[in-house]
Amino acid sequence: MADRTTKERKLIALMVNDLGPGLGKKEMADLEGEVRALPDDRLDETLAERLNLHHSASEVALEQALLHVEEHAWSNPEGFTDAPDMSHEPRPEERQA
């Protein structure tokens, strides 16, 4: 049985895929908050609907369908790592003599 955290991540991945890569940090935080606020039964219903499963689909069918949902770097859609940008030429004081 897939745990709640996995289900939340998979639903967010599906939603981000639909919305596109232009989500900012605030939008992602809002989206994550909305998904986390869903009651367990509503989370399962929403996943079943998004995965084109019947509402009466078994937990096994849902889990099998979730295996095919790819999770990309949705928590960081711009590909930023929050690390300093080291792709620039070093400043004079950064250069080694």
PDB file of N, CA and C in Angstrom:
ATOM      1  N   MET A   1       0.842  -1.176   0.000  1.00  0.00           N
ATOM      2  CA  MET A   1       0.000   0.000   0.000  1.00  0.00           C
ATOM      3  C   MET A   1       0.896   1.251   0.000  1.00  0.00           C
ATOM      4  N   ALA A   2       0.632   2.168  -0.899  1.00  0.00           N
ATOM      5  CA  ALA A   2       1.386   3.418  -0.963  1.00  0.00           C
ATOM      6  C   ALA A   2       1.042   4.282   0.245  1.00  0.00           C
ATOM      7  N   ASP A   3       2.069   4.882   0.834  1.00  0.00           N
ATOM      8  CA  ASP A   3       1.797   5.734   1.987  1.00  0.00           C
ATOM      9  C   ASP A   3       1.297   7.100   1.532  1.00  0.00           C
ATOM     10  N   ARG A   4       0.796   7.855   2.462  1.00  0.00           N
ATOM     11  CA  ARG A   4       0.194   9.151   2.147  1.00  0.00           C
ATOM     12  C   ARG A   4       1.203  10.092   1.493  1.00  0.00           C
ATOM     13  N   THR A   5       2.423  10.116   1.988  1.00  0.00           N
ATOM     14  CA  THR A   5       3.440  11.013   1.432  1.00  0.00           C
ATOM     15  C   THR A   5       3.694  10.707  -0.044  1.00  0.00           C
ATOM     16  N   THR A   6       3.756   9.439  -0.373  1.00  0.00           N
ATOM     17  CA  THR A   6       3.953   9.043  -1.773  1.00  0.00           C
ATOM     18  C   THR A   6       2.777   9.493  -2.622  1.00  0.00           C
ATOM     19  N   LYS A   7       1.581   9.290  -2.124  1.00  0.00           N
ATOM     20  CA  LYS A   7       0.386   9.711  -2.861  1.00  0.00           C
ATOM     21  C   LYS A   7       0.382  11.219  -3.083  1.00  0.00           C
ATOM     22  N   GLU A   8       0.756  11.966  -2.043  1.00  0.00           N
ATOM     23  CA  GLU A   8       0.812  13.426  -2.180  1.00  0.00           C
ATOM     24  C   GLU A   8       1.831  13.836  -3.243  1.00  0.00           C
ATOM     25  N   ARG A   9       3.017  13.233  -3.196  1.00  0.00           N
ATOM     26  CA  ARG A   9       4.061  13.567  -4.184  1.00  0.00           C
ATOM     27  C   ARG A   9       3.602  13.251  -5.606  1.00  0.00           C
ATOM     28  N   LYS A  10       2.951  12.123  -5.766  1.00  0.00           N
ATOM     29  CA  LYS A  10       2.494  11.715  -7.102  1.00  0.00           C
ATOM     30  C   LYS A  10       1.398  12.646  -7.612  1.00  0.00           C
ATOM     31  N   LEU A  11       0.477  13.046  -6.742  1.00  0.00           N
ATOM     32  CA  LEU A  11      -0.575  13.977  -7.159  1.00  0.00           C
ATOM     33  C   LEU A  11       0.038  15.323  -7.536  1.00  0.00           C
ATOM     34  N   ILE A  12       0.976  15.792  -6.743  1.00  0.00           N
ATOM     35  CA  ILE A  12       1.641  17.059  -7.066  1.00  0.00           C
ATOM     36  C   ILE A  12       2.367  16.942  -8.398  1.00  0.00           C
ATOM     37  N   ALA A  13       3.032  15.827  -8.641  1.00  0.00           N
ATOM     38  CA  ALA A  13       3.722  15.632  -9.909  1.00  0.00           C
ATOM     39  C   ALA A  13       2.746  15.689 -11.082  1.00  0.00           C
ATOM     40  N   LEU A  14       1.586  15.067 -10.938  1.00  0.00           N
ATOM     41  CA  LEU A  14       0.573  15.111 -11.989  1.00  0.00           C
ATOM     42  C   LEU A  14       0.086  16.538 -12.225  1.00  0.00           C
ATOM     43  N   MET A  15      -0.126  17.269 -11.145  1.00  0.00           N
ATOM     44  CA  MET A  15      -0.633  18.633 -11.260  1.00  0.00           C
ATOM     45  C   MET A  15       0.410  19.555 -11.892  1.00  0.00           C
ATOM     46  N   VAL A  16       1.655  19.414 -11.483  1.00  0.00           N
ATOM     47  CA  VAL A  16       2.720  20.243 -12.054  1.00  0.00           C
ATOM     48  C   VAL A  16       2.879  19.938 -13.533  1.00  0.00           C
ATOM     49  N   ASN A  17       2.746  18.669 -13.890  1.00  0.00           N
ATOM     50  CA  ASN A  17       2.837  18.301 -15.299  1.00  0.00           C
ATOM     51  C   ASN A  17       1.743  18.998 -16.110  1.00  0.00           C
ATOM     52  N   ASP A  18       0.552  19.101 -15.548  1.00  0.00           N
ATOM     53  CA  ASP A  18      -0.548  19.780 -16.231  1.00  0.00           C
ATOM     54  C   ASP A  18      -0.343  21.294 -16.292  1.00  0.00           C
ATOM     55  N   LEU A  19       0.159  21.863 -15.206  1.00  0.00           N
ATOM     56  CA  LEU A  19       0.304  23.315 -15.125  1.00  0.00           C
ATOM     57  C   LEU A  19       1.527  23.837 -15.872  1.00  0.00           C
ATOM     58  N   GLY A  20       2.511  23.014 -16.056  1.00  0.00           N
ATOM     59  CA  GLY A  20       3.708  23.435 -16.777  1.00  0.00           C
ATOM     60  C   GLY A  20       4.823  23.854 -15.841  1.00  0.00           C
ATOM     61  N   PRO A  21       5.988  24.117 -16.413  1.00  0.00           N
ATOM     62  CA  PRO A  21       7.181  24.382 -15.618  1.00  0.00           C
ATOM     63  C   PRO A  21       7.293  25.789 -15.054  1.00  0.00           C
ATOM     64  N   GLY A  22       6.332  26.659 -15.280  1.00  0.00           N
ATOM     65  CA  GLY A  22       6.450  28.053 -14.881  1.00  0.00           C
ATOM     66  C   GLY A  22       6.062  28.367 -13.443  1.00  0.00           C
ATOM     67  N   LEU A  23       5.874  27.358 -12.605  1.00  0.00           N
ATOM     68  CA  LEU A  23       5.469  27.621 -11.233  1.00  0.00           C
ATOM     69  C   LEU A  23       6.631  28.160 -10.406  1.00  0.00           C
ATOM     70  N   GLY A  24       6.351  29.183  -9.636  1.00  0.00           N
ATOM     71  CA  GLY A  24       7.349  29.728  -8.733  1.00  0.00           C
ATOM     72  C   GLY A  24       7.285  29.039  -7.381  1.00  0.00           C
ATOM     73  N   LYS A  25       8.163  29.466  -6.484  1.00  0.00           N
ATOM     74  CA  LYS A  25       8.216  28.851  -5.162  1.00  0.00           C
ATOM     75  C   LYS A  25       6.913  29.029  -4.392  1.00  0.00           C
ATOM     76  N   LYS A  26       6.306  30.213  -4.492  1.00  0.00           N
ATOM     77  CA  LYS A  26       5.054  30.451  -3.763  1.00  0.00           C
ATOM     78  C   LYS A  26       3.938  29.569  -4.302  1.00  0.00           C
ATOM     79  N   GLU A  27       3.846  29.472  -5.616  1.00  0.00           N
ATOM     80  CA  GLU A  27       2.802  28.632  -6.213  1.00  0.00           C
ATOM     81  C   GLU A  27       2.991  27.171  -5.820  1.00  0.00           C
ATOM     82  N   MET A  28       4.263  26.712  -5.811  1.00  0.00           N
ATOM     83  CA  MET A  28       4.540  25.331  -5.414  1.00  0.00           C
ATOM     84  C   MET A  28       4.160  25.113  -3.958  1.00  0.00           C
ATOM     85  N   ALA A  29       4.491  26.066  -3.108  1.00  0.00           N
ATOM     86  CA  ALA A  29       4.150  25.945  -1.687  1.00  0.00           C
ATOM     87  C   ALA A  29       2.633  25.900  -1.502  1.00  0.00           C
ATOM     88  N   ASP A  30       1.916  26.747  -2.245  1.00  0.00           N
ATOM     89  CA  ASP A  30       0.453  26.742  -2.176  1.00  0.00           C
ATOM     90  C   ASP A  30      -0.112  25.403  -2.640  1.00  0.00           C
ATOM     91  N   LEU A  31       0.417  24.895  -3.738  1.00  0.00           N
ATOM     92  CA  LEU A  31      -0.036  23.622  -4.291  1.00  0.00           C
ATOM     93  C   LEU A  31       0.212  22.490  -3.299  1.00  0.00           C
ATOM     94  N   GLU A  32       1.403  22.464  -2.721  1.00  0.00           N
ATOM     95  CA  GLU A  32       1.726  21.428  -1.742  1.00  0.00           C
ATOM     96  C   GLU A  32       0.791  21.518  -0.534  1.00  0.00           C
ATOM     97  N   GLY A  33       0.505  22.734  -0.076  1.00  0.00           N
ATOM     98  CA  GLY A  33      -0.392  22.922   1.055  1.00  0.00           C
ATOM     99  C   GLY A  33      -1.797  22.427   0.770  1.00  0.00           C
ATOM    100  N   GLU A  34      -2.287  22.705  -0.438  1.00  0.00           N
ATOM    101  CA  GLU A  34      -3.624  22.260  -0.822  1.00  0.00           C
ATOM    102  C   GLU A  34      -3.712  20.738  -0.857  1.00  0.00           C
ATOM    103  N   VAL A  35      -2.677  20.103  -1.388  1.00  0.00           N
ATOM    104  CA  VAL A  35      -2.682  18.640  -1.470  1.00  0.00           C
ATOM    105  C   VAL A  35      -2.600  18.035  -0.076  1.00  0.00           C
ATOM    106  N   ARG A  36      -1.754  18.582   0.770  1.00  0.00           N
ATOM    107  CA  ARG A  36      -1.616  18.057   2.138  1.00  0.00           C
ATOM    108  C   ARG A  36      -2.898  18.230   2.950  1.00  0.00           C
ATOM    109  N   ALA A  37      -3.699  19.227   2.611  1.00  0.00           N
ATOM    110  CA  ALA A  37      -4.941  19.485   3.347  1.00  0.00           C
ATOM    111  C   ALA A  37      -6.063  18.521   2.959  1.00  0.00           C
ATOM    112  N   LEU A  38      -5.901  17.783   1.874  1.00  0.00           N
ATOM    113  CA  LEU A  38      -6.950  16.854   1.448  1.00  0.00           C
ATOM    114  C   LEU A  38      -7.093  15.710   2.448  1.00  0.00           C
ATOM    115  N   PRO A  39      -8.326  15.346   2.785  1.00  0.00           N
ATOM    116  CA  PRO A  39      -8.524  14.143   3.610  1.00  0.00           C
ATOM    117  C   PRO A  39      -8.087  12.908   2.808  1.00  0.00           C
ATOM    118  N   ASP A  40      -7.770  11.834   3.498  1.00  0.00           N
ATOM    119  CA  ASP A  40      -7.272  10.624   2.841  1.00  0.00           C
ATOM    120  C   ASP A  40      -8.186  10.127   1.725  1.00  0.00           C
ATOM    121  N   ASP A  41      -9.491  10.074   1.989  1.00  0.00           N
ATOM    122  CA  ASP A  41     -10.409   9.551   0.977  1.00  0.00           C
ATOM    123  C   ASP A  41     -10.459  10.458  -0.252  1.00  0.00           C
ATOM    124  N   ARG A  42     -10.389  11.765  -0.043  1.00  0.00           N
ATOM    125  CA  ARG A  42     -10.409  12.712  -1.170  1.00  0.00           C
ATOM    126  C   ARG A  42      -9.106  12.626  -1.960  1.00  0.00           C
ATOM    127  N   LEU A  43      -7.986  12.415  -1.275  1.00  0.00           N
ATOM    128  CA  LEU A  43      -6.707  12.234  -1.955  1.00  0.00           C
ATOM    129  C   LEU A  43      -6.767  11.019  -2.876  1.00  0.00           C
ATOM    130  N   ASP A  44      -7.284   9.910  -2.364  1.00  0.00           N
ATOM    131  CA  ASP A  44      -7.420   8.695  -3.179  1.00  0.00           C
ATOM    132  C   ASP A  44      -8.364   8.912  -4.354  1.00  0.00           C
ATOM    133  N   GLU A  45      -9.493   9.579  -4.111  1.00  0.00           N
ATOM    134  CA  GLU A  45     -10.454   9.850  -5.187  1.00  0.00           C
ATOM    135  C   GLU A  45      -9.834  10.727  -6.272  1.00  0.00           C
ATOM    136  N   THR A  46      -9.107  11.741  -5.848  1.00  0.00           N
ATOM    137  CA  THR A  46      -8.488  12.657  -6.806  1.00  0.00           C
ATOM    138  C   THR A  46      -7.436  11.931  -7.635  1.00  0.00           C
ATOM    139  N   LEU A  47      -6.617  11.108  -6.986  1.00  0.00           N
ATOM    140  CA  LEU A  47      -5.620  10.331  -7.727  1.00  0.00           C
ATOM    141  C   LEU A  47      -6.282   9.388  -8.715  1.00  0.00           C
ATOM    142  N   ALA A  48      -7.323   8.687  -8.272  1.00  0.00           N
ATOM    143  CA  ALA A  48      -8.029   7.758  -9.157  1.00  0.00           C
ATOM    144  C   ALA A  48      -8.584   8.494 -10.371  1.00  0.00           C
ATOM    145  N   GLU A  49      -9.156   9.664 -10.130  1.00  0.00           N
ATOM    146  CA  GLU A  49      -9.706  10.460 -11.225  1.00  0.00           C
ATOM    147  C   GLU A  49      -8.602  10.899 -12.185  1.00  0.00           C
ATOM    148  N   ARG A  50      -7.497  11.402 -11.648  1.00  0.00           N
ATOM    149  CA  ARG A  50      -6.390  11.880 -12.470  1.00  0.00           C
ATOM    150  C   ARG A  50      -5.742  10.760 -13.273  1.00  0.00           C
ATOM    151  N   LEU A  51      -5.796   9.531 -12.731  1.00  0.00           N
ATOM    152  CA  LEU A  51      -5.179   8.377 -13.389  1.00  0.00           C
ATOM    153  C   LEU A  51      -6.175   7.589 -14.225  1.00  0.00           C
ATOM    154  N   ASN A  52      -7.364   8.161 -14.412  1.00  0.00           N
ATOM    155  CA  ASN A  52      -8.428   7.535 -15.207  1.00  0.00           C
ATOM    156  C   ASN A  52      -8.803   6.147 -14.694  1.00  0.00           C
ATOM    157  N   LEU A  53      -8.847   6.016 -13.376  1.00  0.00           N
ATOM    158  CA  LEU A  53      -9.295   4.774 -12.761  1.00  0.00           C
ATOM    159  C   LEU A  53     -10.737   4.959 -12.313  1.00  0.00           C
ATOM    160  N   HIS A  54     -11.445   3.866 -12.198  1.00  0.00           N
ATOM    161  CA  HIS A  54     -12.816   3.939 -11.682  1.00  0.00           C
ATOM    162  C   HIS A  54     -12.751   4.314 -10.208  1.00  0.00           C
ATOM    163  N   HIS A  55     -13.778   5.020  -9.753  1.00  0.00           N
ATOM    164  CA  HIS A  55     -13.811   5.426  -8.345  1.00  0.00           C
ATOM    165  C   HIS A  55     -13.769   4.220  -7.413  1.00  0.00           C
ATOM    166  N   SER A  56     -14.233   3.090  -7.899  1.00  0.00           N
ATOM    167  CA  SER A  56     -14.231   1.885  -7.072  1.00  0.00           C
ATOM    168  C   SER A  56     -12.951   1.062  -7.263  1.00  0.00           C
ATOM    169  N   ALA A  57     -11.928   1.667  -7.887  1.00  0.00           N
ATOM    170  CA  ALA A  57     -10.678   0.948  -8.127  1.00  0.00           C
ATOM    171  C   ALA A  57     -10.055   0.528  -6.805  1.00  0.00           C
ATOM    172  N   SER A  58      -9.451  -0.627  -6.814  1.00  0.00           N
ATOM    173  CA  SER A  58      -8.842  -1.142  -5.594  1.00  0.00           C
ATOM    174  C   SER A  58      -7.564  -0.382  -5.274  1.00  0.00           C
ATOM    175  N   GLU A  59      -7.135  -0.539  -4.054  1.00  0.00           N
ATOM    176  CA  GLU A  59      -5.873   0.073  -3.619  1.00  0.00           C
ATOM    177  C   GLU A  59      -4.708  -0.466  -4.450  1.00  0.00           C
ATOM    178  N   VAL A  60      -4.781  -1.734  -4.828  1.00  0.00           N
ATOM    179  CA  VAL A  60      -3.730  -2.351  -5.642  1.00  0.00           C
ATOM    180  C   VAL A  60      -3.683  -1.694  -7.019  1.00  0.00           C
ATOM    181  N   ALA A  61      -4.844  -1.459  -7.618  1.00  0.00           N
ATOM    182  CA  ALA A  61      -4.892  -0.806  -8.928  1.00  0.00           C
ATOM    183  C   ALA A  61      -4.333   0.605  -8.848  1.00  0.00           C
ATOM    184  N   LEU A  62      -4.677   1.313  -7.781  1.00  0.00           N
ATOM    185  CA  LEU A  62      -4.163   2.667  -7.593  1.00  0.00           C
ATOM    186  C   LEU A  62      -2.650   2.644  -7.433  1.00  0.00           C
ATOM    187  N   GLU A  63      -2.158   1.716  -6.628  1.00  0.00           N
ATOM    188  CA  GLU A  63      -0.718   1.621  -6.412  1.00  0.00           C
ATOM    189  C   GLU A  63       0.022   1.281  -7.711  1.00  0.00           C
ATOM    190  N   GLN A  64      -0.540   0.393  -8.501  1.00  0.00           N
ATOM    191  CA  GLN A  64       0.075   0.045  -9.787  1.00  0.00           C
ATOM    192  C   GLN A  64       0.133   1.259 -10.712  1.00  0.00           C
ATOM    193  N   ALA A  65      -0.942   2.032 -10.739  1.00  0.00           N
ATOM    194  CA  ALA A  65      -0.975   3.226 -11.585  1.00  0.00           C
ATOM    195  C   ALA A  65       0.026   4.275 -11.098  1.00  0.00           C
ATOM    196  N   LEU A  66       0.194   4.378  -9.786  1.00  0.00           N
ATOM    197  CA  LEU A  66       1.130   5.354  -9.227  1.00  0.00           C
ATOM    198  C   LEU A  66       2.575   5.043  -9.612  1.00  0.00           C
ATOM    199  N   LEU A  67       2.865   3.776  -9.845  1.00  0.00           N
ATOM    200  CA  LEU A  67       4.225   3.395 -10.240  1.00  0.00           C
ATOM    201  C   LEU A  67       4.638   4.041 -11.556  1.00  0.00           C
ATOM    202  N   HIS A  68       3.664   4.391 -12.381  1.00  0.00           N
ATOM    203  CA  HIS A  68       3.949   4.968 -13.690  1.00  0.00           C
ATOM    204  C   HIS A  68       3.984   6.497 -13.699  1.00  0.00           C
ATOM    205  N   VAL A  69       3.732   7.103 -12.558  1.00  0.00           N
ATOM    206  CA  VAL A  69       3.775   8.566 -12.459  1.00  0.00           C
ATOM    207  C   VAL A  69       5.212   8.977 -12.181  1.00  0.00           C
ATOM    208  N   GLU A  70       5.781   9.715 -13.112  1.00  0.00           N
ATOM    209  CA  GLU A  70       7.162  10.169 -12.949  1.00  0.00           C
ATOM    210  C   GLU A  70       7.197  11.442 -12.133  1.00  0.00           C
ATOM    211  N   GLU A  71       8.094  11.444 -11.185  1.00  0.00           N
ATOM    212  CA  GLU A  71       8.309  12.637 -10.370  1.00  0.00           C
ATOM    213  C   GLU A  71       9.576  13.315 -10.863  1.00  0.00           C
ATOM    214  N   HIS A  72       9.409  14.520 -11.339  1.00  0.00           N
ATOM    215  CA  HIS A  72      10.558  15.298 -11.782  1.00  0.00           C
ATOM    216  C   HIS A  72      10.971  16.203 -10.638  1.00  0.00           C
ATOM    217  N   ALA A  73      11.830  17.110 -10.921  1.00  0.00           N
ATOM    218  CA  ALA A  73      12.277  18.048  -9.889  1.00  0.00           C
ATOM    219  C   ALA A  73      11.197  19.099  -9.661  1.00  0.00           C
ATOM    220  N   TRP A  74       9.958  18.622  -9.376  1.00  0.00           N
ATOM    221  CA  TRP A  74       8.833  19.557  -9.228  1.00  0.00           C
ATOM    222  C   TRP A  74       8.997  20.470  -8.041  1.00  0.00           C
ATOM    223  N   SER A  75       9.744  20.046  -7.025  1.00  0.00           N
ATOM    224  CA  SER A  75       9.898  20.932  -5.878  1.00  0.00           C
ATOM    225  C   SER A  75      10.834  22.081  -6.188  1.00  0.00           C
ATOM    226  N   ASN A  76      11.492  21.993  -7.323  1.00  0.00           N
ATOM    227  CA  ASN A  76      12.423  23.025  -7.725  1.00  0.00           C
ATOM    228  C   ASN A  76      12.337  23.162  -9.241  1.00  0.00           C
ATOM    229  N   PRO A  77      11.205  23.656  -9.760  1.00  0.00           N
ATOM    230  CA  PRO A  77      10.941  23.614 -11.199  1.00  0.00           C
ATOM    231  C   PRO A  77      11.932  24.377 -12.054  1.00  0.00           C
ATOM    232  N   GLU A  78      12.574  25.402 -11.530  1.00  0.00           N
ATOM    233  CA  GLU A  78      13.525  26.150 -12.347  1.00  0.00           C
ATOM    234  C   GLU A  78      14.885  25.487 -12.395  1.00  0.00           C
ATOM    235  N   GLY A  79      15.080  24.437 -11.633  1.00  0.00           N
ATOM    236  CA  GLY A  79      16.355  23.754 -11.604  1.00  0.00           C
ATOM    237  C   GLY A  79      17.366  24.436 -10.699  1.00  0.00           C
ATOM    238  N   PHE A  80      16.911  25.381  -9.890  1.00  0.00           N
ATOM    239  CA  PHE A  80      17.820  26.072  -8.994  1.00  0.00           C
ATOM    240  C   PHE A  80      18.138  25.190  -7.800  1.00  0.00           C
ATOM    241  N   THR A  81      19.343  25.299  -7.316  1.00  0.00           N
ATOM    242  CA  THR A  81      19.744  24.525  -6.152  1.00  0.00           C
ATOM    243  C   THR A  81      19.902  25.409  -4.936  1.00  0.00           C
ATOM    244  N   ASP A  82      19.723  26.701  -5.092  1.00  0.00           N
ATOM    245  CA  ASP A  82      19.959  27.687  -4.047  1.00  0.00           C
ATOM    246  C   ASP A  82      21.430  27.778  -3.684  1.00  0.00           C
ATOM    247  N   ALA A  83      22.268  27.117  -4.462  1.00  0.00           N
ATOM    248  CA  ALA A  83      23.712  27.233  -4.268  1.00  0.00           C
ATOM    249  C   ALA A  83      24.200  28.456  -5.034  1.00  0.00           C
ATOM    250  N   PRO A  84      25.322  29.021  -4.640  1.00  0.00           N
ATOM    251  CA  PRO A  84      25.831  30.177  -5.372  1.00  0.00           C
ATOM    252  C   PRO A  84      26.111  29.821  -6.833  1.00  0.00           C
ATOM    253  N   ASP A  85      25.873  30.762  -7.702  1.00  0.00           N
ATOM    254  CA  ASP A  85      26.132  30.561  -9.121  1.00  0.00           C
ATOM    255  C   ASP A  85      27.634  30.659  -9.362  1.00  0.00           C
ATOM    256  N   MET A  86      28.224  29.549  -9.715  1.00  0.00           N
ATOM    257  CA  MET A  86      29.664  29.522  -9.935  1.00  0.00           C
ATOM    258  C   MET A  86      29.992  29.453 -11.430  1.00  0.00           C
ATOM    259  N   SER A  87      29.022  29.734 -12.276  1.00  0.00           N
ATOM    260  CA  SER A  87      29.244  29.643 -13.713  1.00  0.00           C
ATOM    261  C   SER A  87      29.897  30.898 -14.275  1.00  0.00           C
ATOM    262  N   HIS A  88      30.075  31.934 -13.478  1.00  0.00           N
ATOM    263  CA  HIS A  88      30.665  33.177 -13.940  1.00  0.00           C
ATOM    264  C   HIS A  88      32.189  33.133 -13.813  1.00  0.00           C
ATOM    265  N   GLU A  89      32.813  34.057 -14.485  1.00  0.00           N
ATOM    266  CA  GLU A  89      34.265  34.198 -14.336  1.00  0.00           C
ATOM    267  C   GLU A  89      34.548  34.679 -12.916  1.00  0.00           C
ATOM    268  N   PRO A  90      35.593  34.171 -12.298  1.00  0.00           N
ATOM    269  CA  PRO A  90      35.891  34.617 -10.941  1.00  0.00           C
ATOM    270  C   PRO A  90      36.290  36.090 -10.899  1.00  0.00           C
ATOM    271  N   ARG A  91      35.924  36.726  -9.813  1.00  0.00           N
ATOM    272  CA  ARG A  91      36.342  38.108  -9.601  1.00  0.00           C
ATOM    273  C   ARG A  91      37.842  38.128  -9.336  1.00  0.00           C
ATOM    274  N   PRO A  92      38.469  39.289  -9.501  1.00  0.00           N
ATOM    275  CA  PRO A  92      39.919  39.328  -9.262  1.00  0.00           C
ATOM    276  C   PRO A  92      40.331  38.765  -7.913  1.00  0.00           C
ATOM    277  N   GLU A  93      39.574  39.064  -6.881  1.00  0.00           N
ATOM    278  CA  GLU A  93      39.945  38.564  -5.553  1.00  0.00           C
ATOM    279  C   GLU A  93      39.700  37.064  -5.396  1.00  0.00           C
ATOM    280  N   GLU A  94      38.904  36.488  -6.319  1.00  0.00           N
ATOM    281  CA  GLU A  94      38.632  35.057  -6.280  1.00  0.00           C
ATOM    282  C   GLU A  94      39.679  34.254  -7.063  1.00  0.00           C
ATOM    283  N   ARG A  95      40.396  34.928  -7.923  1.00  0.00           N
ATOM    284  CA  ARG A  95      41.403  34.232  -8.763  1.00  0.00           C
ATOM    285  C   ARG A  95      42.609  33.855  -7.943  1.00  0.00           C
ATOM    286  N   GLN A  96      43.123  32.699  -8.249  1.00  0.00           N
ATOM    287  CA  GLN A  96      44.357  32.282  -7.586  1.00  0.00           C
ATOM    288  C   GLN A  96      45.545  32.834  -8.358  1.00  0.00           C
ATOM    289  N   ALA A  97      46.521  33.265  -7.678  1.00  0.00           N
ATOM    290  CA  ALA A  97      47.691  33.884  -8.330  1.00  0.00           C
ATOM    291  C   ALA A  97      48.585  32.866  -8.982  1.00  0.00           C
TER     292      ALA A  97
END
